[in-house]
Amino acid sequence: MDGAAAPRSRSRRAPRPLDLVDRDFTASRPDQLWVADMTYVRTWSVWAYVAFVLDVYS
């Protein structure tokens, strides 16, 4: 990944998306609500991006 750009600084971040669940992370059955997050970690040579997708019921 030569030439990969570093993540944006706080002052240049995009606006946050709407909170579609009003911070209510409960589900009464599987496949009712899924959440996701993406983060990055600097390694010795590149930035590694990691994504998580979870079923809230689990």
C-alpha atoms as a PDB file:
ATOM      1  CA  MET A   1       0.000   0.000   0.000  1.00  0.00           C
ATOM      2  CA  ASP A   2       2.663   2.466  -0.944  1.00  0.00           C
ATOM      3  CA  GLY A   3       1.352   5.975  -1.153  1.00  0.00           C
ATOM      4  CA  ALA A   4      -1.665   5.387   1.101  1.00  0.00           C
ATOM      5  CA  ALA A   5      -2.931   8.640   2.581  1.00  0.00           C
ATOM      6  CA  ALA A   6      -3.090   9.135   6.330  1.00  0.00           C
ATOM      7  CA  PRO A   7      -6.543   9.657   7.894  1.00  0.00           C
ATOM      8  CA  ARG A   8      -7.978  13.172   7.908  1.00  0.00           C
ATOM      9  CA  SER A   9      -7.340  15.471  10.822  1.00  0.00           C
ATOM     10  CA  ARG A  10     -10.228  16.449  13.120  1.00  0.00           C
ATOM     11  CA  SER A  11     -10.630  19.844  11.477  1.00  0.00           C
ATOM     12  CA  ARG A  12     -11.264  18.265   8.046  1.00  0.00           C
ATOM     13  CA  ARG A  13     -13.667  15.474   9.055  1.00  0.00           C
ATOM     14  CA  ALA A  14     -16.933  14.945   7.253  1.00  0.00           C
ATOM     15  CA  PRO A  15     -20.120  15.656   9.217  1.00  0.00           C
ATOM     16  CA  ARG A  16     -21.365  12.794  11.390  1.00  0.00           C
ATOM     17  CA  PRO A  17     -24.236  10.737   9.999  1.00  0.00           C
ATOM     18  CA  LEU A  18     -27.633  10.836  11.707  1.00  0.00           C
ATOM     19  CA  ASP A  19     -28.199   8.606  14.751  1.00  0.00           C
ATOM     20  CA  LEU A  20     -30.936   6.418  13.284  1.00  0.00           C
ATOM     21  CA  VAL A  21     -31.457   4.339  16.469  1.00  0.00           C
ATOM     22  CA  ASP A  22     -31.331   7.151  19.066  1.00  0.00           C
ATOM     23  CA  ARG A  23     -28.593   5.243  20.939  1.00  0.00           C
ATOM     24  CA  ASP A  24     -31.029   2.407  21.699  1.00  0.00           C
ATOM     25  CA  PHE A  25     -28.840  -0.626  21.008  1.00  0.00           C
ATOM     26  CA  THR A  26     -31.374  -3.326  21.896  1.00  0.00           C
ATOM     27  CA  ALA A  27     -32.966  -5.925  19.659  1.00  0.00           C
ATOM     28  CA  SER A  28     -35.671  -8.468  20.485  1.00  0.00           C
ATOM     29  CA  ARG A  29     -34.764 -10.830  17.640  1.00  0.00           C
ATOM     30  CA  PRO A  30     -31.857 -11.606  15.287  1.00  0.00           C
ATOM     31  CA  ASP A  31     -31.465  -9.518  12.112  1.00  0.00           C
ATOM     32  CA  GLN A  32     -33.474  -6.637  13.583  1.00  0.00           C
ATOM     33  CA  LEU A  33     -30.616  -4.164  14.083  1.00  0.00           C
ATOM     34  CA  TRP A  34     -27.080  -4.239  12.771  1.00  0.00           C
ATOM     35  CA  VAL A  35     -24.345  -1.762  13.692  1.00  0.00           C
ATOM     36  CA  ALA A  36     -21.006  -1.081  12.045  1.00  0.00           C
ATOM     37  CA  ASP A  37     -17.820   0.786  12.743  1.00  0.00           C
ATOM     38  CA  MET A  38     -14.584   1.390  10.920  1.00  0.00           C
ATOM     39  CA  THR A  39     -11.287   2.371  12.444  1.00  0.00           C
ATOM     40  CA  TYR A  40      -7.639   2.531  11.501  1.00  0.00           C
ATOM     41  CA  VAL A  41      -4.366   1.506  13.107  1.00  0.00           C
ATOM     42  CA  ARG A  42      -0.940   2.699  12.156  1.00  0.00           C
ATOM     43  CA  THR A  43       1.522  -0.138  11.632  1.00  0.00           C
ATOM     44  CA  TRP A  44       5.248   0.103  11.013  1.00  0.00           C
ATOM     45  CA  SER A  45       4.771   0.597   7.286  1.00  0.00           C
ATOM     46  CA  VAL A  46       1.125   1.449   6.464  1.00  0.00           C
ATOM     47  CA  TRP A  47      -2.255   2.443   7.864  1.00  0.00           C
ATOM     48  CA  ALA A  48      -4.446  -0.653   8.374  1.00  0.00           C
ATOM     49  CA  TYR A  49      -8.191  -0.164   8.176  1.00  0.00           C
ATOM     50  CA  VAL A  50     -10.527  -2.489  10.098  1.00  0.00           C
ATOM     51  CA  ALA A  51     -14.324  -2.734   9.789  1.00  0.00           C
ATOM     52  CA  PHE A  52     -16.722  -4.358  12.254  1.00  0.00           C
ATOM     53  CA  VAL A  53     -20.337  -5.337  11.561  1.00  0.00           C
ATOM     54  CA  LEU A  54     -22.395  -6.774  14.422  1.00  0.00           C
ATOM     55  CA  ASP A  55     -25.915  -8.032  14.918  1.00  0.00           C
ATOM     56  CA  VAL A  56     -27.064  -6.202  18.060  1.00  0.00           C
ATOM     57  CA  TYR A  57     -29.075  -9.224  19.184  1.00  0.00           C
ATOM     58  CA  SER A  58     -25.901 -11.282  19.652  1.00  0.00           C
END
